[in-house]
């Protein structure tokens, strides 16, 4: 399944190439951009058993979601853990890689969304809700991505930056609703792929929620533990 392949791939890239990402982030940004450009240039639908899953990585946003998921879970790691020391410093880089990749998901649909927006009040309620949700996600995505850039982060007051990054909770939650909006009906009609995808996404979000609540409880029981949130950029008490 494409979503499982994406989650495994993003996790391995983050863990195994963390030092390279930290030292040469531009290389990974360019690689992500080239993957999106290649998809947009060669995006004709195919039933090829090899190419179809690779197209889904970009077209359906699976690989972008996987990088965002890694960022989510890094937010619940202990700073002094082995994974924490490896991944916390590159949260911003991982989120920007995901932000570039997600362009391959919404860019081909942008013209359709604009066309629907012109007839917004004539749409069926489900299409109207989906369009509104997509619009909110796009705005949140833009705000969180821009605030993840080091120059922007350095220019903002740290308290304002932290407030902006709290919108990441809303962003991730709406992603789940966005996914359900597209997959739930096919799943209820018996589509195996849609059903399996909902299961995978639900497990990912449920696991994150459990770990986030556990992190919150541990933080409250240990006043000296600094608060960290799940923004699309690495949290820091000082500017970089």
C-alpha atoms as a PDB file:
ATOM      1  CA  UNK A   1       0.000   0.000   0.000  1.00  0.00           C
ATOM      2  CA  UNK A   2       1.309   3.445  -0.991  1.00  0.00           C
ATOM      3  CA  UNK A   3       0.648   5.124   2.360  1.00  0.00           C
ATOM      4  CA  UNK A   4       2.531   2.427   4.284  1.00  0.00           C
ATOM      5  CA  UNK A   5       5.421   2.620   1.831  1.00  0.00           C
ATOM      6  CA  UNK A   6       5.471   6.389   2.310  1.00  0.00           C
ATOM      7  CA  UNK A   7       5.500   6.198   6.111  1.00  0.00           C
ATOM      8  CA  UNK A   8       8.329   3.675   6.091  1.00  0.00           C
ATOM      9  CA  UNK A   9      10.330   5.633   3.502  1.00  0.00           C
ATOM     10  CA  UNK A  10       9.988   8.998   5.265  1.00  0.00           C
ATOM     11  CA  UNK A  11      10.906   7.471   8.617  1.00  0.00           C
ATOM     12  CA  UNK A  12      14.021   5.781   7.200  1.00  0.00           C
ATOM     13  CA  UNK A  13      15.100   8.944   5.371  1.00  0.00           C
ATOM     14  CA  UNK A  14      14.694  11.023   8.533  1.00  0.00           C
ATOM     15  CA  UNK A  15      16.581   8.598  10.774  1.00  0.00           C
ATOM     16  CA  UNK A  16      19.321   7.364   8.451  1.00  0.00           C
ATOM     17  CA  UNK A  17      20.005  10.662   6.678  1.00  0.00           C
ATOM     18  CA  UNK A  18      19.459  13.057   9.584  1.00  0.00           C
ATOM     19  CA  UNK A  19      23.036  14.343   9.538  1.00  0.00           C
ATOM     20  CA  UNK A  20      22.968  14.916   5.790  1.00  0.00           C
ATOM     21  CA  UNK A  21      19.618  16.712   6.048  1.00  0.00           C
ATOM     22  CA  UNK A  22      21.016  18.960   8.754  1.00  0.00           C
ATOM     23  CA  UNK A  23      24.194  19.769   6.836  1.00  0.00           C
ATOM     24  CA  UNK A  24      22.794  19.940   3.288  1.00  0.00           C
ATOM     25  CA  UNK A  25      19.047  20.685   3.525  1.00  0.00           C
ATOM     26  CA  UNK A  26      19.030  22.376   0.123  1.00  0.00           C
ATOM     27  CA  UNK A  27      19.938  19.075  -1.531  1.00  0.00           C
ATOM     28  CA  UNK A  28      16.827  17.442  -0.105  1.00  0.00           C
ATOM     29  CA  UNK A  29      14.624  20.427  -0.976  1.00  0.00           C
ATOM     30  CA  UNK A  30      15.806  20.203  -4.588  1.00  0.00           C
ATOM     31  CA  UNK A  31      15.224  16.427  -4.637  1.00  0.00           C
ATOM     32  CA  UNK A  32      11.658  16.926  -3.376  1.00  0.00           C
ATOM     33  CA  UNK A  33      11.060  19.670  -5.938  1.00  0.00           C
ATOM     34  CA  UNK A  34      12.384  17.496  -8.771  1.00  0.00           C
ATOM     35  CA  UNK A  35      10.070  14.669  -7.678  1.00  0.00           C
ATOM     36  CA  UNK A  36       7.089  17.042  -7.852  1.00  0.00           C
ATOM     37  CA  UNK A  37       8.138  18.460 -11.244  1.00  0.00           C
ATOM     38  CA  UNK A  38       8.662  14.962 -12.637  1.00  0.00           C
ATOM     39  CA  UNK A  39       5.204  13.950 -11.476  1.00  0.00           C
ATOM     40  CA  UNK A  40       3.569  17.033 -12.980  1.00  0.00           C
ATOM     41  CA  UNK A  41       5.314  16.417 -16.303  1.00  0.00           C
ATOM     42  CA  UNK A  42       4.577  12.679 -16.425  1.00  0.00           C
ATOM     43  CA  UNK A  43       1.323  12.424 -14.514  1.00  0.00           C
ATOM     44  CA  UNK A  44      -0.754  10.580 -17.095  1.00  0.00           C
ATOM     45  CA  UNK A  45      -2.774   7.863 -15.300  1.00  0.00           C
ATOM     46  CA  UNK A  46      -1.269   4.399 -15.549  1.00  0.00           C
ATOM     47  CA  UNK A  47      -2.103   0.884 -14.412  1.00  0.00           C
ATOM     48  CA  UNK A  48       1.550  -0.142 -14.350  1.00  0.00           C
ATOM     49  CA  UNK A  49       2.117  -2.051 -11.103  1.00  0.00           C
ATOM     50  CA  UNK A  50       5.430  -0.233 -10.524  1.00  0.00           C
ATOM     51  CA  UNK A  51       4.587   3.299 -11.680  1.00  0.00           C
ATOM     52  CA  UNK A  52       1.091   3.545 -10.144  1.00  0.00           C
ATOM     53  CA  UNK A  53       2.296   3.352  -6.500  1.00  0.00           C
ATOM     54  CA  UNK A  54       5.079   5.831  -7.291  1.00  0.00           C
ATOM     55  CA  UNK A  55       2.532   8.258  -8.751  1.00  0.00           C
ATOM     56  CA  UNK A  56       0.363   7.883  -5.649  1.00  0.00           C
ATOM     57  CA  UNK A  57       3.287   8.936  -3.465  1.00  0.00           C
ATOM     58  CA  UNK A  58       2.995  12.435  -4.955  1.00  0.00           C
ATOM     59  CA  UNK A  59      -0.502  12.656  -6.452  1.00  0.00           C
ATOM     60  CA  UNK A  60      -2.363  11.551  -3.330  1.00  0.00           C
ATOM     61  CA  UNK A  61       0.017  13.365  -1.003  1.00  0.00           C
ATOM     62  CA  UNK A  62       1.099  10.154   0.722  1.00  0.00           C
ATOM     63  CA  UNK A  63       4.801  10.974   0.881  1.00  0.00           C
ATOM     64  CA  UNK A  64       4.135  14.549   2.008  1.00  0.00           C
ATOM     65  CA  UNK A  65       1.800  13.294   4.730  1.00  0.00           C
ATOM     66  CA  UNK A  66       4.448  10.798   5.818  1.00  0.00           C
ATOM     67  CA  UNK A  67       6.999  13.581   6.367  1.00  0.00           C
ATOM     68  CA  UNK A  68       4.407  15.622   8.256  1.00  0.00           C
ATOM     69  CA  UNK A  69       3.668  12.538  10.357  1.00  0.00           C
ATOM     70  CA  UNK A  70       7.360  12.187  11.204  1.00  0.00           C
ATOM     71  CA  UNK A  71       7.350  15.838  12.316  1.00  0.00           C
ATOM     72  CA  UNK A  72       4.293  15.122  14.458  1.00  0.00           C
ATOM     73  CA  UNK A  73       5.884  12.201  16.222  1.00  0.00           C
ATOM     74  CA  UNK A  74       9.214  13.958  16.713  1.00  0.00           C
ATOM     75  CA  UNK A  75       7.233  16.465  18.761  1.00  0.00           C
ATOM     76  CA  UNK A  76       6.514  13.831  21.421  1.00  0.00           C
ATOM     77  CA  UNK A  77      10.088  12.548  21.718  1.00  0.00           C
ATOM     78  CA  UNK A  78      12.206  13.267  24.763  1.00  0.00           C
ATOM     79  CA  UNK A  79      14.965  15.754  24.081  1.00  0.00           C
ATOM     80  CA  UNK A  80      17.540  13.462  25.653  1.00  0.00           C
ATOM     81  CA  UNK A  81      16.454  10.293  23.820  1.00  0.00           C
ATOM     82  CA  UNK A  82      18.563   8.860  20.999  1.00  0.00           C
ATOM     83  CA  UNK A  83      15.882   9.610  18.406  1.00  0.00           C
ATOM     84  CA  UNK A  84      15.206  13.009  19.921  1.00  0.00           C
ATOM     85  CA  UNK A  85      18.833  14.082  19.619  1.00  0.00           C
ATOM     86  CA  UNK A  86      18.872  12.894  16.025  1.00  0.00           C
ATOM     87  CA  UNK A  87      15.534  14.223  14.775  1.00  0.00           C
ATOM     88  CA  UNK A  88      14.510  17.262  16.833  1.00  0.00           C
ATOM     89  CA  UNK A  89      17.171  19.519  15.221  1.00  0.00           C
ATOM     90  CA  UNK A  90      15.818  18.766  11.718  1.00  0.00           C
ATOM     91  CA  UNK A  91      12.081  19.140  12.318  1.00  0.00           C
ATOM     92  CA  UNK A  92      12.022  22.331  10.295  1.00  0.00           C
ATOM     93  CA  UNK A  93      13.859  20.727   7.391  1.00  0.00           C
ATOM     94  CA  UNK A  94      11.567  17.680   7.408  1.00  0.00           C
ATOM     95  CA  UNK A  95       8.477  19.879   7.422  1.00  0.00           C
ATOM     96  CA  UNK A  96       9.761  21.906   4.477  1.00  0.00           C
ATOM     97  CA  UNK A  97      10.456  18.706   2.520  1.00  0.00           C
ATOM     98  CA  UNK A  98       6.856  17.677   3.183  1.00  0.00           C
ATOM     99  CA  UNK A  99       5.627  21.152   2.205  1.00  0.00           C
ATOM    100  CA  UNK A 100       7.372  20.925  -1.173  1.00  0.00           C
ATOM    101  CA  UNK A 101       6.036  17.430  -1.815  1.00  0.00           C
ATOM    102  CA  UNK A 102       2.438  18.385  -0.969  1.00  0.00           C
ATOM    103  CA  UNK A 103       2.509  20.863  -3.864  1.00  0.00           C
ATOM    104  CA  UNK A 104       2.296  17.857  -6.174  1.00  0.00           C
ATOM    105  CA  UNK A 105      -1.002  16.983  -4.497  1.00  0.00           C
ATOM    106  CA  UNK A 106      -2.853  20.288  -4.588  1.00  0.00           C
ATOM    107  CA  UNK A 107      -1.271  22.019  -7.614  1.00  0.00           C
ATOM    108  CA  UNK A 108      -3.104  19.861 -10.221  1.00  0.00           C
ATOM    109  CA  UNK A 109      -6.373  20.373  -8.294  1.00  0.00           C
ATOM    110  CA  UNK A 110      -6.069  24.126  -7.876  1.00  0.00           C
ATOM    111  CA  UNK A 111      -7.809  24.948 -11.166  1.00  0.00           C
ATOM    112  CA  UNK A 112     -10.722  22.673 -10.207  1.00  0.00           C
ATOM    113  CA  UNK A 113     -11.011  24.316  -6.791  1.00  0.00           C
ATOM    114  CA  UNK A 114     -11.037  27.781  -8.348  1.00  0.00           C
ATOM    115  CA  UNK A 115     -13.760  26.664 -10.770  1.00  0.00           C
ATOM    116  CA  UNK A 116     -15.856  25.274  -7.915  1.00  0.00           C
ATOM    117  CA  UNK A 117     -15.365  28.437  -5.871  1.00  0.00           C
ATOM    118  CA  UNK A 118     -16.936  30.493  -8.653  1.00  0.00           C
ATOM    119  CA  UNK A 119     -20.167  28.515  -8.153  1.00  0.00           C
ATOM    120  CA  UNK A 120     -19.750  27.995  -4.415  1.00  0.00           C
ATOM    121  CA  UNK A 121     -23.358  28.664  -3.358  1.00  0.00           C
ATOM    122  CA  UNK A 122     -24.715  26.309  -6.008  1.00  0.00           C
ATOM    123  CA  UNK A 123     -22.694  23.347  -4.773  1.00  0.00           C
ATOM    124  CA  UNK A 124     -24.091  20.399  -2.867  1.00  0.00           C
ATOM    125  CA  UNK A 125     -23.463  20.620   0.900  1.00  0.00           C
ATOM    126  CA  UNK A 126     -20.778  17.908   0.834  1.00  0.00           C
ATOM    127  CA  UNK A 127     -18.854  19.664  -1.963  1.00  0.00           C
ATOM    128  CA  UNK A 128     -19.257  23.015  -0.234  1.00  0.00           C
ATOM    129  CA  UNK A 129     -17.869  21.586   3.009  1.00  0.00           C
ATOM    130  CA  UNK A 130     -14.993  19.892   1.220  1.00  0.00           C
ATOM    131  CA  UNK A 131     -14.074  23.081  -0.626  1.00  0.00           C
ATOM    132  CA  UNK A 132     -14.140  25.126   2.594  1.00  0.00           C
ATOM    133  CA  UNK A 133     -12.003  22.563   4.366  1.00  0.00           C
ATOM    134  CA  UNK A 134      -9.488  22.508   1.510  1.00  0.00           C
ATOM    135  CA  UNK A 135      -9.307  26.301   1.581  1.00  0.00           C
ATOM    136  CA  UNK A 136      -8.649  26.402   5.315  1.00  0.00           C
ATOM    137  CA  UNK A 137      -5.970  23.718   4.969  1.00  0.00           C
ATOM    138  CA  UNK A 138      -4.288  25.659   2.178  1.00  0.00           C
ATOM    139  CA  UNK A 139      -4.194  28.854   4.262  1.00  0.00           C
ATOM    140  CA  UNK A 140      -2.864  27.042   7.332  1.00  0.00           C
ATOM    141  CA  UNK A 141      -0.302  25.247   5.211  1.00  0.00           C
ATOM    142  CA  UNK A 142       0.969  28.532   3.767  1.00  0.00           C
ATOM    143  CA  UNK A 143       1.191  30.233   7.185  1.00  0.00           C
ATOM    144  CA  UNK A 144       2.943  27.311   8.889  1.00  0.00           C
ATOM    145  CA  UNK A 145       5.356  26.749   6.014  1.00  0.00           C
ATOM    146  CA  UNK A 146       6.394  30.394   5.786  1.00  0.00           C
ATOM    147  CA  UNK A 147       6.850  30.611   9.561  1.00  0.00           C
ATOM    148  CA  UNK A 148       9.080  27.515   9.391  1.00  0.00           C
ATOM    149  CA  UNK A 149      11.652  29.330   7.266  1.00  0.00           C
ATOM    150  CA  UNK A 150      14.666  30.282   9.349  1.00  0.00           C
ATOM    151  CA  UNK A 151      14.746  33.900   8.204  1.00  0.00           C
ATOM    152  CA  UNK A 152      11.064  34.397   8.984  1.00  0.00           C
ATOM    153  CA  UNK A 153      11.441  32.609  12.310  1.00  0.00           C
ATOM    154  CA  UNK A 154      14.340  34.862  13.237  1.00  0.00           C
ATOM    155  CA  UNK A 155      12.404  38.001  12.301  1.00  0.00           C
ATOM    156  CA  UNK A 156       9.333  37.136  14.382  1.00  0.00           C
ATOM    157  CA  UNK A 157       8.949  37.689  18.088  1.00  0.00           C
ATOM    158  CA  UNK A 158       9.388  34.274  19.714  1.00  0.00           C
ATOM    159  CA  UNK A 159       6.016  34.496  21.497  1.00  0.00           C
ATOM    160  CA  UNK A 160       4.216  35.341  18.251  1.00  0.00           C
ATOM    161  CA  UNK A 161       6.026  32.534  16.462  1.00  0.00           C
ATOM    162  CA  UNK A 162       4.942  30.042  19.127  1.00  0.00           C
ATOM    163  CA  UNK A 163       1.316  31.180  18.834  1.00  0.00           C
ATOM    164  CA  UNK A 164       1.425  30.746  15.059  1.00  0.00           C
ATOM    165  CA  UNK A 165       2.917  27.273  15.361  1.00  0.00           C
ATOM    166  CA  UNK A 166       0.060  26.144  17.619  1.00  0.00           C
ATOM    167  CA  UNK A 167      -2.120  26.201  14.503  1.00  0.00           C
ATOM    168  CA  UNK A 168      -0.267  23.017  13.540  1.00  0.00           C
ATOM    169  CA  UNK A 169      -2.599  21.073  15.865  1.00  0.00           C
ATOM    170  CA  UNK A 170      -5.582  22.362  13.878  1.00  0.00           C
ATOM    171  CA  UNK A 171      -3.766  21.682  10.616  1.00  0.00           C
ATOM    172  CA  UNK A 172      -3.096  18.030  11.431  1.00  0.00           C
ATOM    173  CA  UNK A 173      -6.614  17.499  12.728  1.00  0.00           C
ATOM    174  CA  UNK A 174      -8.171  18.953   9.583  1.00  0.00           C
ATOM    175  CA  UNK A 175      -5.922  16.762   7.434  1.00  0.00           C
ATOM    176  CA  UNK A 176      -7.585  13.739   9.021  1.00  0.00           C
ATOM    177  CA  UNK A 177     -11.064  15.157   8.330  1.00  0.00           C
ATOM    178  CA  UNK A 178      -9.982  15.950   4.769  1.00  0.00           C
ATOM    179  CA  UNK A 179      -8.858  12.356   4.275  1.00  0.00           C
ATOM    180  CA  UNK A 180     -12.068  10.942   5.757  1.00  0.00           C
ATOM    181  CA  UNK A 181     -14.117  13.204   3.512  1.00  0.00           C
ATOM    182  CA  UNK A 182     -12.647  11.583   0.430  1.00  0.00           C
ATOM    183  CA  UNK A 183     -12.275   7.992   1.607  1.00  0.00           C
ATOM    184  CA  UNK A 184     -15.222   7.293   3.907  1.00  0.00           C
ATOM    185  CA  UNK A 185     -17.943   6.929   1.273  1.00  0.00           C
ATOM    186  CA  UNK A 186     -15.878   4.584  -0.973  1.00  0.00           C
ATOM    187  CA  UNK A 187     -14.907   2.591   2.121  1.00  0.00           C
ATOM    188  CA  UNK A 188     -18.552   2.203   3.175  1.00  0.00           C
ATOM    189  CA  UNK A 189     -19.363   1.089  -0.369  1.00  0.00           C
ATOM    190  CA  UNK A 190     -16.835  -1.719  -0.060  1.00  0.00           C
ATOM    191  CA  UNK A 191     -13.690  -0.275  -1.629  1.00  0.00           C
ATOM    192  CA  UNK A 192     -10.875  -2.239  -0.017  1.00  0.00           C
ATOM    193  CA  UNK A 193      -8.135   0.284  -0.749  1.00  0.00           C
ATOM    194  CA  UNK A 194     -10.127   3.146   0.789  1.00  0.00           C
ATOM    195  CA  UNK A 195     -10.962   1.052   3.850  1.00  0.00           C
ATOM    196  CA  UNK A 196      -7.370   0.001   4.395  1.00  0.00           C
ATOM    197  CA  UNK A 197      -6.159   3.581   3.960  1.00  0.00           C
ATOM    198  CA  UNK A 198      -8.614   4.838   6.595  1.00  0.00           C
ATOM    199  CA  UNK A 199      -7.361   2.179   8.987  1.00  0.00           C
ATOM    200  CA  UNK A 200      -3.727   3.207   8.474  1.00  0.00           C
ATOM    201  CA  UNK A 201      -4.458   6.924   8.825  1.00  0.00           C
ATOM    202  CA  UNK A 202      -6.626   6.316  11.896  1.00  0.00           C
ATOM    203  CA  UNK A 203      -3.908   4.257  13.582  1.00  0.00           C
ATOM    204  CA  UNK A 204      -1.323   6.984  12.889  1.00  0.00           C
ATOM    205  CA  UNK A 205      -3.494   9.775  14.301  1.00  0.00           C
ATOM    206  CA  UNK A 206      -4.707   7.709  17.266  1.00  0.00           C
ATOM    207  CA  UNK A 207      -1.147   6.742  18.179  1.00  0.00           C
ATOM    208  CA  UNK A 208      -0.027  10.349  17.936  1.00  0.00           C
ATOM    209  CA  UNK A 209      -2.918  11.500  20.131  1.00  0.00           C
ATOM    210  CA  UNK A 210      -2.050   8.895  22.773  1.00  0.00           C
ATOM    211  CA  UNK A 211       1.626   9.880  22.780  1.00  0.00           C
ATOM    212  CA  UNK A 212       0.788  13.599  22.804  1.00  0.00           C
ATOM    213  CA  UNK A 213      -1.504  13.159  25.826  1.00  0.00           C
ATOM    214  CA  UNK A 214       1.170  11.079  27.539  1.00  0.00           C
ATOM    215  CA  UNK A 215       3.735  13.800  26.847  1.00  0.00           C
ATOM    216  CA  UNK A 216       1.357  16.418  28.254  1.00  0.00           C
ATOM    217  CA  UNK A 217       0.773  14.390  31.405  1.00  0.00           C
ATOM    218  CA  UNK A 218       4.487  13.805  31.950  1.00  0.00           C
ATOM    219  CA  UNK A 219       5.240  17.483  31.359  1.00  0.00           C
ATOM    220  CA  UNK A 220       2.692  18.542  33.961  1.00  0.00           C
ATOM    221  CA  UNK A 221       4.125  16.088  36.468  1.00  0.00           C
ATOM    222  CA  UNK A 222       7.650  17.442  35.822  1.00  0.00           C
ATOM    223  CA  UNK A 223       7.586  21.264  36.025  1.00  0.00           C
ATOM    224  CA  UNK A 224      11.181  21.511  34.855  1.00  0.00           C
ATOM    225  CA  UNK A 225      10.421  19.853  31.509  1.00  0.00           C
ATOM    226  CA  UNK A 226      10.108  22.582  28.848  1.00  0.00           C
ATOM    227  CA  UNK A 227       6.914  22.616  26.805  1.00  0.00           C
ATOM    228  CA  UNK A 228       7.176  21.678  23.160  1.00  0.00           C
ATOM    229  CA  UNK A 229       4.462  21.722  20.548  1.00  0.00           C
ATOM    230  CA  UNK A 230       3.886  20.015  17.216  1.00  0.00           C
ATOM    231  CA  UNK A 231       4.440  22.901  14.839  1.00  0.00           C
ATOM    232  CA  UNK A 232       5.877  22.493  11.377  1.00  0.00           C
ATOM    233  CA  UNK A 233       9.163  23.936  12.611  1.00  0.00           C
ATOM    234  CA  UNK A 234      11.488  22.903  15.423  1.00  0.00           C
ATOM    235  CA  UNK A 235      10.593  24.490  18.733  1.00  0.00           C
ATOM    236  CA  UNK A 236      13.224  26.575  20.379  1.00  0.00           C
ATOM    237  CA  UNK A 237      13.422  29.063  23.202  1.00  0.00           C
ATOM    238  CA  UNK A 238      15.911  31.062  21.192  1.00  0.00           C
ATOM    239  CA  UNK A 239      16.010  32.275  17.640  1.00  0.00           C
ATOM    240  CA  UNK A 240      18.336  30.821  15.033  1.00  0.00           C
END
